[in-house]
């Protein structure tokens, strides 16, 4: 059984590939000074880059879990998401309000994709 781990630190890997499935860790914005829409755009760019590194893309997304620090920002997050997602191949998705790892982060996104 082959398992590949990428961008691994002492606590976690940013991406794990097992067989033909790509698992991404929860992604947060590199510049958390931005609002939820801009943080979402940053995160989606990071997801694109990781999926490309794995040899896949957003059209192969299987699932997404989105964590919002404030569910009232759901519409602003969706503005960025809707502009990015491949609407012909939208993944199964859940969005929940959650306290994130640090107060400057207002959104975190975790996805799983097929290769």
C-alpha atoms as a PDB file:
ATOM      1  CA  UNK A   1       0.000   0.000   0.000  1.00  0.00           C
ATOM      2  CA  UNK A   2       1.531   3.294  -1.118  1.00  0.00           C
ATOM      3  CA  UNK A   3       0.981   6.440   0.901  1.00  0.00           C
ATOM      4  CA  UNK A   4       2.687   9.689  -0.121  1.00  0.00           C
ATOM      5  CA  UNK A   5       2.934  12.653   2.250  1.00  0.00           C
ATOM      6  CA  UNK A   6       3.766  16.198   1.128  1.00  0.00           C
ATOM      7  CA  UNK A   7       4.855  19.310   3.013  1.00  0.00           C
ATOM      8  CA  UNK A   8       5.150  17.319   6.205  1.00  0.00           C
ATOM      9  CA  UNK A   9       5.963  18.834   9.566  1.00  0.00           C
ATOM     10  CA  UNK A  10       6.124  17.391  13.050  1.00  0.00           C
ATOM     11  CA  UNK A  11       2.348  17.660  13.491  1.00  0.00           C
ATOM     12  CA  UNK A  12       0.796  17.076  10.081  1.00  0.00           C
ATOM     13  CA  UNK A  13       1.140  16.856   6.322  1.00  0.00           C
ATOM     14  CA  UNK A  14      -0.450  19.450   4.056  1.00  0.00           C
ATOM     15  CA  UNK A  15      -1.363  16.710   1.571  1.00  0.00           C
ATOM     16  CA  UNK A  16      -1.574  12.921   1.636  1.00  0.00           C
ATOM     17  CA  UNK A  17      -2.143  10.727  -1.415  1.00  0.00           C
ATOM     18  CA  UNK A  18      -3.369   7.162  -0.995  1.00  0.00           C
ATOM     19  CA  UNK A  19      -4.044   5.210  -4.171  1.00  0.00           C
ATOM     20  CA  UNK A  20      -6.065   7.621  -6.341  1.00  0.00           C
ATOM     21  CA  UNK A  21      -7.356   9.864  -3.541  1.00  0.00           C
ATOM     22  CA  UNK A  22      -5.827  13.176  -2.497  1.00  0.00           C
ATOM     23  CA  UNK A  23      -6.487  14.461   1.024  1.00  0.00           C
ATOM     24  CA  UNK A  24      -5.653  18.062   1.884  1.00  0.00           C
ATOM     25  CA  UNK A  25      -5.237  19.398   5.391  1.00  0.00           C
ATOM     26  CA  UNK A  26      -7.397  22.335   6.350  1.00  0.00           C
ATOM     27  CA  UNK A  27      -6.042  25.359   4.514  1.00  0.00           C
ATOM     28  CA  UNK A  28      -5.975  28.864   5.971  1.00  0.00           C
ATOM     29  CA  UNK A  29      -5.003  32.173   4.372  1.00  0.00           C
ATOM     30  CA  UNK A  30      -1.353  33.198   4.118  1.00  0.00           C
ATOM     31  CA  UNK A  31      -2.464  36.803   4.739  1.00  0.00           C
ATOM     32  CA  UNK A  32      -5.121  36.632   7.463  1.00  0.00           C
ATOM     33  CA  UNK A  33      -5.492  40.419   7.619  1.00  0.00           C
ATOM     34  CA  UNK A  34      -8.016  40.183   4.775  1.00  0.00           C
ATOM     35  CA  UNK A  35     -11.798  39.722   5.049  1.00  0.00           C
ATOM     36  CA  UNK A  36     -13.528  36.366   4.611  1.00  0.00           C
ATOM     37  CA  UNK A  37     -13.969  36.707   0.830  1.00  0.00           C
ATOM     38  CA  UNK A  38     -10.293  37.497   0.282  1.00  0.00           C
ATOM     39  CA  UNK A  39      -9.113  34.828   2.721  1.00  0.00           C
ATOM     40  CA  UNK A  40     -11.315  32.346   0.840  1.00  0.00           C
ATOM     41  CA  UNK A  41      -9.777  33.407  -2.489  1.00  0.00           C
ATOM     42  CA  UNK A  42      -6.278  32.914  -1.058  1.00  0.00           C
ATOM     43  CA  UNK A  43      -7.167  29.477   0.268  1.00  0.00           C
ATOM     44  CA  UNK A  44      -8.720  28.385  -3.029  1.00  0.00           C
ATOM     45  CA  UNK A  45      -5.498  29.391  -4.788  1.00  0.00           C
ATOM     46  CA  UNK A  46      -3.527  27.261  -2.327  1.00  0.00           C
ATOM     47  CA  UNK A  47      -5.886  24.353  -2.964  1.00  0.00           C
ATOM     48  CA  UNK A  48      -5.387  24.749  -6.722  1.00  0.00           C
ATOM     49  CA  UNK A  49      -1.600  24.631  -6.250  1.00  0.00           C
ATOM     50  CA  UNK A  50      -1.677  21.543  -4.016  1.00  0.00           C
ATOM     51  CA  UNK A  51      -4.052  19.697  -6.323  1.00  0.00           C
ATOM     52  CA  UNK A  52      -1.829  20.538  -9.312  1.00  0.00           C
ATOM     53  CA  UNK A  53       1.175  19.190  -7.403  1.00  0.00           C
ATOM     54  CA  UNK A  54      -0.788  15.955  -6.905  1.00  0.00           C
ATOM     55  CA  UNK A  55      -1.642  15.769 -10.610  1.00  0.00           C
ATOM     56  CA  UNK A  56      -5.308  16.655 -10.294  1.00  0.00           C
ATOM     57  CA  UNK A  57      -7.566  19.716 -10.168  1.00  0.00           C
ATOM     58  CA  UNK A  58     -10.779  21.136  -8.715  1.00  0.00           C
ATOM     59  CA  UNK A  59     -12.935  19.305 -11.281  1.00  0.00           C
ATOM     60  CA  UNK A  60     -12.051  16.108  -9.389  1.00  0.00           C
ATOM     61  CA  UNK A  61     -13.101  17.330  -5.937  1.00  0.00           C
ATOM     62  CA  UNK A  62     -15.057  14.719  -4.001  1.00  0.00           C
ATOM     63  CA  UNK A  63     -15.822  16.648  -0.830  1.00  0.00           C
ATOM     64  CA  UNK A  64     -15.170  19.936   0.924  1.00  0.00           C
ATOM     65  CA  UNK A  65     -15.602  21.045   4.505  1.00  0.00           C
ATOM     66  CA  UNK A  66     -15.600  24.781   5.152  1.00  0.00           C
ATOM     67  CA  UNK A  67     -15.166  26.183   8.640  1.00  0.00           C
ATOM     68  CA  UNK A  68     -16.256  29.778   9.240  1.00  0.00           C
ATOM     69  CA  UNK A  69     -15.421  31.711  12.404  1.00  0.00           C
ATOM     70  CA  UNK A  70     -18.755  33.517  11.932  1.00  0.00           C
ATOM     71  CA  UNK A  71     -21.587  31.883   9.962  1.00  0.00           C
ATOM     72  CA  UNK A  72     -22.863  35.393   9.157  1.00  0.00           C
ATOM     73  CA  UNK A  73     -20.013  35.549   6.595  1.00  0.00           C
ATOM     74  CA  UNK A  74     -21.473  32.585   4.668  1.00  0.00           C
ATOM     75  CA  UNK A  75     -22.584  34.791   1.747  1.00  0.00           C
ATOM     76  CA  UNK A  76     -19.204  36.510   1.366  1.00  0.00           C
ATOM     77  CA  UNK A  77     -17.381  33.160   1.470  1.00  0.00           C
ATOM     78  CA  UNK A  78     -19.806  31.740  -1.110  1.00  0.00           C
ATOM     79  CA  UNK A  79     -19.105  34.677  -3.426  1.00  0.00           C
ATOM     80  CA  UNK A  80     -15.492  33.531  -3.684  1.00  0.00           C
ATOM     81  CA  UNK A  81     -16.388  29.824  -3.702  1.00  0.00           C
ATOM     82  CA  UNK A  82     -19.005  30.173  -6.460  1.00  0.00           C
ATOM     83  CA  UNK A  83     -16.563  32.068  -8.684  1.00  0.00           C
ATOM     84  CA  UNK A  84     -13.981  29.285  -8.218  1.00  0.00           C
ATOM     85  CA  UNK A  85     -15.779  25.945  -8.033  1.00  0.00           C
ATOM     86  CA  UNK A  86     -16.276  23.865 -11.186  1.00  0.00           C
ATOM     87  CA  UNK A  87     -20.077  24.050 -11.142  1.00  0.00           C
ATOM     88  CA  UNK A  88     -20.393  21.062 -13.495  1.00  0.00           C
ATOM     89  CA  UNK A  89     -18.438  18.985 -10.964  1.00  0.00           C
ATOM     90  CA  UNK A  90     -19.341  20.480  -7.595  1.00  0.00           C
ATOM     91  CA  UNK A  91     -18.228  18.359  -4.611  1.00  0.00           C
ATOM     92  CA  UNK A  92     -20.273  17.229  -1.660  1.00  0.00           C
ATOM     93  CA  UNK A  93     -19.857  20.085   0.823  1.00  0.00           C
ATOM     94  CA  UNK A  94     -20.509  21.025   4.418  1.00  0.00           C
ATOM     95  CA  UNK A  95     -20.105  24.479   5.944  1.00  0.00           C
ATOM     96  CA  UNK A  96     -20.035  24.942   9.702  1.00  0.00           C
ATOM     97  CA  UNK A  97     -19.312  27.684  12.192  1.00  0.00           C
ATOM     98  CA  UNK A  98     -16.290  26.854  14.326  1.00  0.00           C
ATOM     99  CA  UNK A  99     -13.707  28.507  16.506  1.00  0.00           C
ATOM    100  CA  UNK A 100     -10.533  28.388  14.399  1.00  0.00           C
ATOM    101  CA  UNK A 101      -6.930  27.925  15.549  1.00  0.00           C
ATOM    102  CA  UNK A 102      -6.203  31.657  15.771  1.00  0.00           C
ATOM    103  CA  UNK A 103      -8.545  34.661  15.819  1.00  0.00           C
ATOM    104  CA  UNK A 104      -7.117  36.218  12.638  1.00  0.00           C
ATOM    105  CA  UNK A 105      -8.334  33.243  10.594  1.00  0.00           C
ATOM    106  CA  UNK A 106     -11.959  33.614   9.551  1.00  0.00           C
ATOM    107  CA  UNK A 107     -12.198  30.632   7.178  1.00  0.00           C
ATOM    108  CA  UNK A 108     -10.531  27.226   6.816  1.00  0.00           C
ATOM    109  CA  UNK A 109     -11.196  24.794   3.968  1.00  0.00           C
ATOM    110  CA  UNK A 110     -10.392  21.082   3.756  1.00  0.00           C
ATOM    111  CA  UNK A 111     -10.934  19.094   0.555  1.00  0.00           C
ATOM    112  CA  UNK A 112     -10.591  15.547  -0.748  1.00  0.00           C
ATOM    113  CA  UNK A 113     -10.143  14.881  -4.479  1.00  0.00           C
ATOM    114  CA  UNK A 114      -9.678  12.012  -6.900  1.00  0.00           C
ATOM    115  CA  UNK A 115      -6.505  11.871  -8.991  1.00  0.00           C
END
